[in-house]
């Protein structure tokens, strides 16, 4: 199966929603309890569009969304303007096929082209697959928030990994 990377728009909202909701219901990839709604996806896409943040999808030969990656602000104060926090999600039936690798590579390239300096990922400390993927791309562990969340009857530790890019060439204050 050939995999193509595309820029996703609202026409992919239902597919993205299905991937997110599966992760919410069955994993600690998202520290959320309740499935997201179509209205939440409208707000999500509005925020992506307003901030000029990409939503990159991986599609197969049948044009079905196999996974997606995006980023948004790391924190909402002006001095963080060169840092973004990213996420990568792969459809449950498509994991282990290199789709996450393709999406992470694409999101890093997009962050670099948009002149960001720092790409940050918050990863559940028990998510060995995601941690291995990120370290293969040069992300470095930069901290743990112990007991950051509580889900499935247990405390969850949140690890942060970062990749410092060579951009921007001329950062400015303000």
N, C-alpha and C. Protein backbone atom coordinates (compact mmCIF):
# COMPACT_ATOMS: atom_id res chain seq x y z
N UNK A 1 0.84 -1.18 0.00
CA UNK A 1 0.00 0.00 0.00
C UNK A 1 0.88 1.24 0.00
N UNK A 2 0.60 2.12 -0.93
CA UNK A 2 1.31 3.40 -0.98
C UNK A 2 0.67 4.36 0.02
N UNK A 3 1.51 5.11 0.70
CA UNK A 3 1.04 6.10 1.67
C UNK A 3 1.41 7.48 1.15
N UNK A 4 0.43 8.35 1.15
CA UNK A 4 0.63 9.72 0.69
C UNK A 4 0.36 10.65 1.86
N UNK A 5 1.19 11.68 2.02
CA UNK A 5 0.96 12.70 3.04
C UNK A 5 0.21 13.87 2.40
N UNK A 6 -0.81 14.35 3.11
CA UNK A 6 -1.64 15.44 2.62
C UNK A 6 -1.86 16.46 3.73
N UNK A 7 -2.25 17.66 3.35
CA UNK A 7 -2.73 18.64 4.31
C UNK A 7 -4.22 18.38 4.50
N UNK A 8 -4.62 18.14 5.73
CA UNK A 8 -6.02 17.84 6.03
C UNK A 8 -6.81 19.12 6.26
N UNK A 9 -8.04 19.12 5.80
CA UNK A 9 -8.96 20.20 6.10
C UNK A 9 -10.17 19.60 6.81
N UNK A 10 -11.19 20.40 6.99
CA UNK A 10 -12.38 19.98 7.73
C UNK A 10 -13.08 18.76 7.11
N UNK A 11 -12.83 18.50 5.86
CA UNK A 11 -13.46 17.33 5.24
C UNK A 11 -12.96 16.03 5.87
N UNK A 12 -11.86 16.09 6.59
CA UNK A 12 -11.31 14.91 7.27
C UNK A 12 -11.67 14.87 8.76
N UNK A 13 -12.52 15.79 9.20
CA UNK A 13 -12.83 15.91 10.63
C UNK A 13 -13.38 14.63 11.23
N UNK A 14 -14.28 13.94 10.53
CA UNK A 14 -14.86 12.71 11.08
C UNK A 14 -13.81 11.62 11.24
N UNK A 15 -12.88 11.52 10.29
CA UNK A 15 -11.83 10.51 10.38
C UNK A 15 -10.85 10.84 11.52
N UNK A 16 -10.50 12.11 11.65
CA UNK A 16 -9.62 12.53 12.75
C UNK A 16 -10.32 12.28 14.07
N UNK A 17 -11.59 12.62 14.15
CA UNK A 17 -12.37 12.41 15.37
C UNK A 17 -12.39 10.93 15.76
N UNK A 18 -12.56 10.05 14.81
CA UNK A 18 -12.58 8.61 15.10
C UNK A 18 -11.23 8.14 15.66
N UNK A 19 -10.15 8.63 15.09
CA UNK A 19 -8.81 8.25 15.57
C UNK A 19 -8.59 8.78 16.99
N UNK A 20 -8.93 10.04 17.21
CA UNK A 20 -8.78 10.63 18.54
C UNK A 20 -9.63 9.91 19.57
N UNK A 21 -10.89 9.66 19.25
CA UNK A 21 -11.79 9.04 20.22
C UNK A 21 -11.38 7.62 20.56
N UNK A 22 -10.85 6.89 19.60
CA UNK A 22 -10.34 5.55 19.91
C UNK A 22 -9.19 5.65 20.90
N UNK A 23 -8.30 6.62 20.71
CA UNK A 23 -7.17 6.81 21.62
C UNK A 23 -7.65 7.25 23.01
N UNK A 24 -8.66 8.11 23.06
CA UNK A 24 -9.19 8.54 24.35
C UNK A 24 -9.78 7.36 25.10
N UNK A 25 -10.56 6.55 24.41
CA UNK A 25 -11.28 5.45 25.06
C UNK A 25 -10.39 4.28 25.45
N UNK A 26 -9.27 4.08 24.74
CA UNK A 26 -8.51 2.84 24.92
C UNK A 26 -7.04 3.00 25.29
N UNK A 27 -6.58 4.23 25.49
CA UNK A 27 -5.16 4.41 25.76
C UNK A 27 -4.92 5.61 26.67
N UNK A 28 -3.66 5.78 27.02
CA UNK A 28 -3.26 6.97 27.77
C UNK A 28 -2.50 7.95 26.86
N UNK A 29 -2.70 7.81 25.55
CA UNK A 29 -2.09 8.76 24.63
C UNK A 29 -2.70 10.14 24.79
N UNK A 30 -3.95 10.19 25.22
CA UNK A 30 -4.64 11.45 25.53
C UNK A 30 -5.16 11.35 26.95
N UNK A 31 -4.88 12.35 27.75
CA UNK A 31 -5.38 12.37 29.12
C UNK A 31 -6.76 13.01 29.12
N UNK A 32 -7.69 12.33 28.51
CA UNK A 32 -9.05 12.80 28.39
C UNK A 32 -9.96 11.63 28.73
N UNK A 33 -11.14 11.91 29.25
CA UNK A 33 -12.06 10.84 29.65
C UNK A 33 -13.17 10.59 28.65
N UNK A 34 -13.63 11.64 27.98
CA UNK A 34 -14.83 11.54 27.17
C UNK A 34 -14.51 11.77 25.70
N UNK A 35 -15.16 11.01 24.83
CA UNK A 35 -14.95 11.22 23.40
C UNK A 35 -15.24 12.66 23.01
N UNK A 36 -14.55 13.13 22.02
CA UNK A 36 -14.77 14.47 21.51
C UNK A 36 -15.95 14.47 20.55
N UNK A 37 -16.53 15.63 20.37
CA UNK A 37 -17.72 15.77 19.55
C UNK A 37 -17.37 16.49 18.24
N UNK A 38 -18.25 16.42 17.25
CA UNK A 38 -18.02 17.18 16.02
C UNK A 38 -17.87 18.69 16.29
N UNK A 39 -18.61 19.22 17.24
CA UNK A 39 -18.48 20.66 17.57
C UNK A 39 -17.08 20.96 18.09
N UNK A 40 -16.51 20.06 18.86
CA UNK A 40 -15.14 20.25 19.35
C UNK A 40 -14.15 20.25 18.19
N UNK A 41 -14.43 19.44 17.18
CA UNK A 41 -13.55 19.41 16.00
C UNK A 41 -13.62 20.73 15.24
N UNK A 42 -14.80 21.34 15.20
CA UNK A 42 -14.91 22.65 14.55
C UNK A 42 -14.01 23.66 15.24
N UNK A 43 -14.04 23.68 16.58
CA UNK A 43 -13.18 24.60 17.34
C UNK A 43 -11.71 24.27 17.13
N UNK A 44 -11.40 22.98 17.08
CA UNK A 44 -10.02 22.52 16.88
C UNK A 44 -9.50 23.03 15.53
N UNK A 45 -10.29 22.83 14.47
CA UNK A 45 -9.87 23.31 13.16
C UNK A 45 -9.78 24.82 13.11
N UNK A 46 -10.69 25.52 13.80
CA UNK A 46 -10.62 26.99 13.86
C UNK A 46 -9.29 27.43 14.45
N UNK A 47 -8.88 26.78 15.55
CA UNK A 47 -7.61 27.14 16.21
C UNK A 47 -6.42 26.84 15.31
N UNK A 48 -6.46 25.72 14.61
CA UNK A 48 -5.37 25.38 13.70
C UNK A 48 -5.26 26.42 12.59
N UNK A 49 -6.40 26.80 12.03
CA UNK A 49 -6.40 27.77 10.94
C UNK A 49 -5.94 29.14 11.42
N UNK A 50 -6.44 29.58 12.56
CA UNK A 50 -6.08 30.89 13.10
C UNK A 50 -4.58 30.98 13.39
N UNK A 51 -3.99 29.90 13.93
CA UNK A 51 -2.57 29.92 14.26
C UNK A 51 -1.65 29.49 13.14
N UNK A 52 -2.21 29.18 11.97
CA UNK A 52 -1.44 28.67 10.83
C UNK A 52 -0.67 27.40 11.23
N UNK A 53 -1.35 26.52 11.97
CA UNK A 53 -0.78 25.25 12.40
C UNK A 53 -1.24 24.14 11.46
N UNK A 54 -0.33 23.31 11.01
CA UNK A 54 -0.68 22.28 10.04
C UNK A 54 -1.44 21.11 10.67
N UNK A 55 -2.21 20.45 9.84
CA UNK A 55 -2.78 19.14 10.15
C UNK A 55 -2.39 18.27 8.95
N UNK A 56 -1.44 17.41 9.18
CA UNK A 56 -0.90 16.57 8.11
C UNK A 56 -1.47 15.17 8.26
N UNK A 57 -2.01 14.65 7.19
CA UNK A 57 -2.61 13.32 7.22
C UNK A 57 -1.82 12.35 6.37
N UNK A 58 -1.93 11.09 6.72
CA UNK A 58 -1.40 10.00 5.91
C UNK A 58 -2.60 9.23 5.38
N UNK A 59 -2.66 9.10 4.06
CA UNK A 59 -3.77 8.38 3.44
C UNK A 59 -3.23 7.23 2.62
N UNK A 60 -4.05 6.18 2.53
CA UNK A 60 -3.69 5.02 1.72
C UNK A 60 -4.26 5.13 0.32
N UNK A 61 -4.10 4.07 -0.45
CA UNK A 61 -4.58 4.03 -1.82
C UNK A 61 -6.08 4.30 -1.93
N UNK A 62 -6.82 3.93 -0.89
CA UNK A 62 -8.27 4.10 -0.90
C UNK A 62 -8.70 5.47 -0.37
N UNK A 63 -7.74 6.36 -0.12
CA UNK A 63 -7.98 7.71 0.39
C UNK A 63 -8.48 7.73 1.83
N UNK A 64 -8.35 6.61 2.53
CA UNK A 64 -8.74 6.55 3.94
C UNK A 64 -7.62 7.13 4.78
N UNK A 65 -7.99 7.91 5.81
CA UNK A 65 -7.00 8.51 6.70
C UNK A 65 -6.43 7.44 7.63
N UNK A 66 -5.12 7.25 7.57
CA UNK A 66 -4.43 6.23 8.36
C UNK A 66 -3.85 6.81 9.65
N UNK A 67 -3.66 8.11 9.67
CA UNK A 67 -3.12 8.80 10.83
C UNK A 67 -2.96 10.27 10.52
N UNK A 68 -2.64 11.04 11.54
CA UNK A 68 -2.45 12.48 11.33
C UNK A 68 -1.50 13.01 12.39
N UNK A 69 -0.95 14.17 12.09
CA UNK A 69 -0.06 14.88 13.02
C UNK A 69 -0.36 16.36 12.93
N UNK A 70 -0.14 17.03 14.02
CA UNK A 70 -0.36 18.47 14.05
C UNK A 70 0.49 19.07 15.16
N UNK A 71 0.47 20.38 15.22
CA UNK A 71 1.04 21.06 16.38
C UNK A 71 0.27 22.34 16.63
N UNK A 72 0.53 22.87 17.81
CA UNK A 72 -0.08 24.11 18.24
C UNK A 72 0.85 24.77 19.22
N UNK A 73 0.39 25.82 19.86
CA UNK A 73 1.28 26.54 20.79
C UNK A 73 1.68 25.65 21.96
N UNK A 74 2.91 25.81 22.39
CA UNK A 74 3.36 25.09 23.60
C UNK A 74 2.73 25.74 24.83
N UNK A 75 2.84 27.03 24.91
CA UNK A 75 2.20 27.81 25.96
C UNK A 75 1.76 29.12 25.33
N UNK A 76 0.79 29.76 25.91
CA UNK A 76 0.18 30.92 25.26
C UNK A 76 0.74 32.27 25.70
N UNK A 77 2.01 32.33 26.03
CA UNK A 77 2.65 33.61 26.33
C UNK A 77 3.59 33.95 25.19
N UNK A 78 3.74 35.23 24.88
CA UNK A 78 4.47 35.64 23.68
C UNK A 78 5.90 35.11 23.57
N UNK A 79 6.61 35.00 24.65
CA UNK A 79 8.01 34.57 24.56
C UNK A 79 8.16 33.10 24.14
N UNK A 80 7.05 32.35 24.15
CA UNK A 80 7.07 30.95 23.70
C UNK A 80 6.78 30.83 22.20
N UNK A 81 6.78 31.93 21.48
CA UNK A 81 6.34 31.93 20.09
C UNK A 81 7.15 31.04 19.16
N UNK A 82 8.34 30.64 19.56
CA UNK A 82 9.16 29.78 18.71
C UNK A 82 9.08 28.31 19.12
N UNK A 83 8.20 27.98 20.06
CA UNK A 83 8.03 26.59 20.52
C UNK A 83 6.63 26.11 20.19
N UNK A 84 6.54 24.88 19.72
CA UNK A 84 5.24 24.25 19.45
C UNK A 84 5.20 22.88 20.12
N UNK A 85 3.97 22.48 20.48
CA UNK A 85 3.76 21.13 21.02
C UNK A 85 3.01 20.35 19.95
N UNK A 86 3.53 19.19 19.62
CA UNK A 86 2.97 18.40 18.53
C UNK A 86 2.27 17.14 19.04
N UNK A 87 1.50 16.55 18.16
CA UNK A 87 0.91 15.24 18.42
C UNK A 87 0.87 14.45 17.13
N UNK A 88 0.98 13.14 17.29
CA UNK A 88 0.93 12.20 16.18
C UNK A 88 0.01 11.06 16.61
N UNK A 89 -0.98 10.77 15.79
CA UNK A 89 -1.92 9.68 16.08
C UNK A 89 -2.08 8.81 14.83
N UNK A 90 -2.04 7.51 15.04
CA UNK A 90 -2.20 6.55 13.95
C UNK A 90 -3.41 5.69 14.24
N UNK A 91 -4.21 5.43 13.21
CA UNK A 91 -5.40 4.58 13.33
C UNK A 91 -4.99 3.24 13.95
N UNK A 92 -5.82 2.72 14.82
CA UNK A 92 -5.48 1.50 15.57
C UNK A 92 -5.16 0.32 14.65
N UNK A 93 -5.75 0.26 13.48
CA UNK A 93 -5.50 -0.85 12.56
C UNK A 93 -4.26 -0.66 11.70
N UNK A 94 -3.60 0.47 11.84
CA UNK A 94 -2.48 0.80 10.96
C UNK A 94 -1.16 0.99 11.70
N UNK A 95 -1.16 0.73 12.98
CA UNK A 95 0.06 0.94 13.77
C UNK A 95 1.11 -0.10 13.40
N UNK A 96 2.38 0.29 13.55
CA UNK A 96 3.48 -0.61 13.26
C UNK A 96 3.85 -0.70 11.79
N UNK A 97 3.35 0.21 10.98
CA UNK A 97 3.63 0.21 9.54
C UNK A 97 4.51 1.37 9.11
N UNK A 98 5.04 2.14 10.05
CA UNK A 98 5.89 3.28 9.70
C UNK A 98 5.15 4.57 9.45
N UNK A 99 3.84 4.58 9.68
CA UNK A 99 3.05 5.78 9.43
C UNK A 99 3.40 6.88 10.43
N UNK A 100 3.58 6.51 11.69
CA UNK A 100 3.98 7.49 12.70
C UNK A 100 5.30 8.15 12.35
N UNK A 101 6.22 7.36 11.83
CA UNK A 101 7.53 7.88 11.43
C UNK A 101 7.38 8.91 10.31
N UNK A 102 6.57 8.58 9.30
CA UNK A 102 6.35 9.52 8.20
C UNK A 102 5.71 10.82 8.68
N UNK A 103 4.73 10.69 9.57
CA UNK A 103 4.04 11.87 10.09
C UNK A 103 4.94 12.73 10.96
N UNK A 104 5.74 12.09 11.81
CA UNK A 104 6.64 12.86 12.66
C UNK A 104 7.68 13.58 11.82
N UNK A 105 8.21 12.91 10.83
CA UNK A 105 9.18 13.54 9.93
C UNK A 105 8.56 14.75 9.23
N UNK A 106 7.32 14.62 8.79
CA UNK A 106 6.64 15.71 8.10
C UNK A 106 6.36 16.89 9.03
N UNK A 107 5.98 16.60 10.26
CA UNK A 107 5.65 17.68 11.19
C UNK A 107 6.92 18.44 11.61
N UNK A 108 8.03 17.73 11.72
CA UNK A 108 9.31 18.38 12.02
C UNK A 108 9.71 19.29 10.86
N UNK A 109 9.58 18.78 9.64
CA UNK A 109 9.92 19.58 8.46
C UNK A 109 9.05 20.84 8.38
N UNK A 110 7.76 20.69 8.69
CA UNK A 110 6.87 21.85 8.63
C UNK A 110 7.24 22.87 9.70
N UNK A 111 7.56 22.41 10.90
CA UNK A 111 7.95 23.32 11.97
C UNK A 111 9.23 24.08 11.59
N UNK A 112 10.14 23.38 10.99
CA UNK A 112 11.38 24.03 10.55
C UNK A 112 11.08 25.07 9.47
N UNK A 113 10.22 24.73 8.52
CA UNK A 113 9.90 25.66 7.43
C UNK A 113 9.13 26.88 7.94
N UNK A 114 8.40 26.72 9.06
CA UNK A 114 7.69 27.85 9.65
C UNK A 114 8.55 28.60 10.67
N UNK A 115 9.83 28.24 10.74
CA UNK A 115 10.80 28.94 11.57
C UNK A 115 10.58 28.79 13.07
N UNK A 116 10.05 27.64 13.48
CA UNK A 116 9.99 27.34 14.91
C UNK A 116 11.35 26.85 15.36
N UNK A 117 11.62 26.97 16.63
CA UNK A 117 12.91 26.58 17.19
C UNK A 117 12.84 25.27 17.97
N UNK A 118 11.69 24.99 18.54
CA UNK A 118 11.56 23.90 19.49
C UNK A 118 10.27 23.14 19.21
N UNK A 119 10.38 21.83 19.03
CA UNK A 119 9.21 20.97 18.89
C UNK A 119 9.16 20.10 20.14
N UNK A 120 8.03 20.16 20.84
CA UNK A 120 7.90 19.51 22.14
C UNK A 120 6.78 18.49 22.08
N UNK A 121 7.03 17.34 22.68
CA UNK A 121 6.00 16.32 22.77
C UNK A 121 5.78 15.92 24.22
N UNK A 122 4.53 15.91 24.64
CA UNK A 122 4.17 15.36 25.95
C UNK A 122 3.72 13.93 25.74
N UNK A 123 4.45 12.98 26.33
CA UNK A 123 4.21 11.55 26.07
C UNK A 123 4.01 10.83 27.40
N UNK A 124 2.95 10.02 27.48
CA UNK A 124 2.77 9.22 28.67
C UNK A 124 4.04 8.39 28.91
N UNK A 125 4.51 8.37 30.14
CA UNK A 125 5.79 7.74 30.47
C UNK A 125 5.82 6.24 30.16
N UNK A 126 4.65 5.61 30.02
CA UNK A 126 4.62 4.18 29.71
C UNK A 126 4.49 3.90 28.21
N UNK A 127 4.45 4.94 27.39
CA UNK A 127 4.27 4.76 25.95
C UNK A 127 5.63 4.54 25.28
N UNK A 128 6.15 3.35 25.45
CA UNK A 128 7.49 3.01 24.95
C UNK A 128 7.61 3.17 23.44
N UNK A 129 6.56 2.87 22.69
CA UNK A 129 6.61 2.97 21.23
C UNK A 129 6.81 4.43 20.81
N UNK A 130 6.04 5.33 21.39
CA UNK A 130 6.16 6.74 21.04
C UNK A 130 7.50 7.30 21.50
N UNK A 131 7.94 6.91 22.67
CA UNK A 131 9.24 7.39 23.16
C UNK A 131 10.35 6.93 22.23
N UNK A 132 10.32 5.67 21.80
CA UNK A 132 11.34 5.16 20.88
C UNK A 132 11.31 5.90 19.55
N UNK A 133 10.11 6.15 19.04
CA UNK A 133 9.99 6.89 17.78
C UNK A 133 10.61 8.28 17.91
N UNK A 134 10.29 8.97 18.97
CA UNK A 134 10.81 10.33 19.15
C UNK A 134 12.32 10.35 19.34
N UNK A 135 12.85 9.43 20.09
CA UNK A 135 14.31 9.42 20.30
C UNK A 135 15.04 9.08 19.00
N UNK A 136 14.43 8.27 18.13
CA UNK A 136 15.06 7.99 16.83
C UNK A 136 15.19 9.26 15.99
N UNK A 137 14.31 10.22 16.21
CA UNK A 137 14.37 11.48 15.48
C UNK A 137 15.20 12.53 16.20
N UNK A 138 15.83 12.17 17.30
CA UNK A 138 16.70 13.11 18.00
C UNK A 138 16.04 13.88 19.14
N UNK A 139 14.78 13.58 19.43
CA UNK A 139 14.14 14.21 20.58
C UNK A 139 14.86 13.75 21.84
N UNK A 140 15.00 14.66 22.79
CA UNK A 140 15.65 14.34 24.05
C UNK A 140 14.66 14.51 25.20
N UNK A 141 14.77 13.60 26.15
CA UNK A 141 13.96 13.70 27.37
C UNK A 141 14.34 14.98 28.08
N UNK A 142 13.34 15.77 28.48
CA UNK A 142 13.65 17.03 29.15
C UNK A 142 12.88 17.22 30.45
N UNK A 143 12.11 16.20 30.85
CA UNK A 143 11.45 16.32 32.15
C UNK A 143 10.24 15.42 32.29
N UNK A 144 9.89 15.17 33.54
CA UNK A 144 8.73 14.34 33.87
C UNK A 144 7.87 15.06 34.90
N UNK A 145 6.58 15.07 34.66
CA UNK A 145 5.63 15.55 35.64
C UNK A 145 4.97 14.30 36.22
N UNK A 146 5.33 13.99 37.44
CA UNK A 146 4.81 12.80 38.10
C UNK A 146 3.35 13.01 38.48
N UNK A 147 2.57 11.97 38.27
CA UNK A 147 1.15 11.98 38.62
C UNK A 147 0.42 13.16 37.97
N UNK A 148 0.76 13.45 36.73
CA UNK A 148 0.15 14.57 36.02
C UNK A 148 -1.32 14.31 35.70
N UNK A 149 -1.67 13.06 35.55
CA UNK A 149 -3.06 12.71 35.23
C UNK A 149 -3.49 11.46 35.98
N UNK A 150 -4.81 11.23 35.95
CA UNK A 150 -5.37 10.03 36.57
C UNK A 150 -6.39 9.46 35.59
N UNK A 151 -6.13 8.25 35.13
CA UNK A 151 -7.00 7.61 34.14
C UNK A 151 -6.87 6.10 34.29
N UNK A 152 -7.96 5.40 34.03
CA UNK A 152 -8.00 3.95 34.15
C UNK A 152 -7.60 3.48 35.54
N UNK A 153 -7.95 4.28 36.55
CA UNK A 153 -7.71 3.89 37.93
C UNK A 153 -6.28 4.01 38.42
N UNK A 154 -5.46 4.77 37.70
CA UNK A 154 -4.06 4.90 38.13
C UNK A 154 -3.51 6.29 37.79
N UNK A 155 -2.47 6.67 38.52
CA UNK A 155 -1.79 7.93 38.26
C UNK A 155 -0.90 7.76 37.03
N UNK A 156 -0.84 8.82 36.23
CA UNK A 156 -0.05 8.80 35.00
C UNK A 156 1.05 9.85 35.07
N UNK A 157 2.24 9.43 34.71
CA UNK A 157 3.38 10.34 34.62
C UNK A 157 3.50 10.83 33.18
N UNK A 158 3.72 12.11 33.02
CA UNK A 158 3.85 12.72 31.70
C UNK A 158 5.30 13.12 31.46
N UNK A 159 5.89 12.55 30.42
CA UNK A 159 7.26 12.89 30.04
C UNK A 159 7.24 13.91 28.91
N UNK A 160 8.21 14.80 28.95
CA UNK A 160 8.36 15.77 27.87
C UNK A 160 9.65 15.48 27.11
N UNK A 161 9.52 15.49 25.80
CA UNK A 161 10.65 15.31 24.89
C UNK A 161 10.69 16.51 23.97
N UNK A 162 11.90 16.96 23.63
CA UNK A 162 12.02 18.12 22.77
C UNK A 162 13.07 17.90 21.70
N UNK A 163 12.83 18.53 20.58
CA UNK A 163 13.79 18.57 19.49
C UNK A 163 14.04 20.03 19.19
N UNK A 164 15.29 20.45 19.35
CA UNK A 164 15.65 21.83 19.05
C UNK A 164 16.09 21.90 17.59
N UNK A 165 15.43 22.74 16.83
CA UNK A 165 15.70 22.91 15.42
C UNK A 165 16.72 24.02 15.21
N UNK A 166 17.28 24.12 14.05
CA UNK A 166 18.26 25.18 13.75
C UNK A 166 17.62 26.48 13.34
N UNK A 167 16.34 26.61 13.53
CA UNK A 167 15.60 27.80 13.13
C UNK A 167 15.06 28.49 14.36
N UNK A 168 14.66 29.73 14.30
CA UNK A 168 14.77 30.64 13.16
C UNK A 168 16.18 31.18 13.03
N UNK A 169 16.47 31.72 11.88
CA UNK A 169 17.81 32.27 11.68
C UNK A 169 18.02 33.58 12.42
N UNK A 170 16.94 34.35 12.59
CA UNK A 170 17.04 35.63 13.28
C UNK A 170 15.86 35.82 14.23
N UNK A 171 15.89 35.17 15.40
CA UNK A 171 14.78 35.34 16.35
C UNK A 171 14.75 36.78 16.89
N UNK A 172 13.55 37.21 17.20
CA UNK A 172 13.38 38.56 17.74
C UNK A 172 12.49 38.53 18.97
N UNK A 173 12.73 39.44 19.88
CA UNK A 173 11.84 39.65 21.02
C UNK A 173 10.56 40.30 20.55
N UNK A 174 9.55 40.19 21.40
CA UNK A 174 8.33 40.95 21.13
C UNK A 174 7.39 40.34 20.14
